[in-house]
Amino acid sequence: MKTIILIASFFIVLTSNAQQAYEKGMGKAFELWGNQKNDDAANLFERIGRAEKDNWLPFYYAAQIHIIKTFNTKDAEEIESRLKKAQNYLNEAKTFSKDNAEILILEAMLNTAYVVYDGTKYGMTHSPKVEELYQRAKKIEPENPRATLYHAEWQMGAAKFWGKDPKAFCPEIEKAILYFEKESNTTPFYPDWGKDQIKRIQQNCE
C-alpha cells in the first residue's frame, strides 16, 4: 500500500512541476510578445508546444504572431514565409484539438491575410475559405465572440468591395459585444482576445 501511495505522490509532483514549467514558459512567451519580440515569442511558443506534445495552445499562439505580423509588413517574401509557418503551426494545433472553433477563426484570419496581401492572386481562392471557416467556427460555437466579430468585419469588407452597405452587418457586432460579456473559460491561456477591436470595427457603422 505504501508503494502505491509513493508512486501516486511521485506522479502528482511530476504533474505539478510540469504544469508550473508550462505556465512559466507561456508567461515568458507572452512577455516577449508584449515587448514586440515577435519571433522570439513565436519560437518559444513552438518549443513549449514540442515539449507539451498534446497541447494546441502554444502552436495556436505561434501561428497568431506570424499572422498578425503580416498585416504590418509589405515585404512579399516575408509575408509568404510567415503565413506558411502559421499554417504549419495551425496544422500542428489541429492534431491535438479537432473541430476547435478558435483554431478555425485563426485559420480564417490567415486566409484573410492572403487576400489583404494580394487580392488579385488570392482573392478568388481564399475568400471562399474565409467564409467557410467562419461558418464552421460559428456552427461549433454559435456564441463565440471572435467568430461573430471578425466574421462581421470580413462581411463588411466584402460589402464595401461589391458596393453594398456594410451597415447591414452592424447587428452582428452588437451580438459580439454580448458574447464577450458572457465569455468565460477556466483553461489557462485560453484565447480571450478581440474585445479591444470592437470600436475599430464599429467605425463601419457610422
Foldseek 3Di string as FASTA:
>chain_A
DVVVVVVVVVVVVVVVVLVVVLVVLLVVLVVCVVVVVLVVSLVSLVVSCVVVVQALQSLQVSLLSLLVVLVVDLDPVSNVVSLVSSVVSLVSSCVNPPLALSSLLSVLSSLVSVCVNPVPVRVVPSLVSSVVSLVSSCVSPVQALSSLLVVLLSQLVVCVVVVHQSLVSVVSLVSSVVSLVVDDDDPPPDDNDDPVCSVVSCVSND
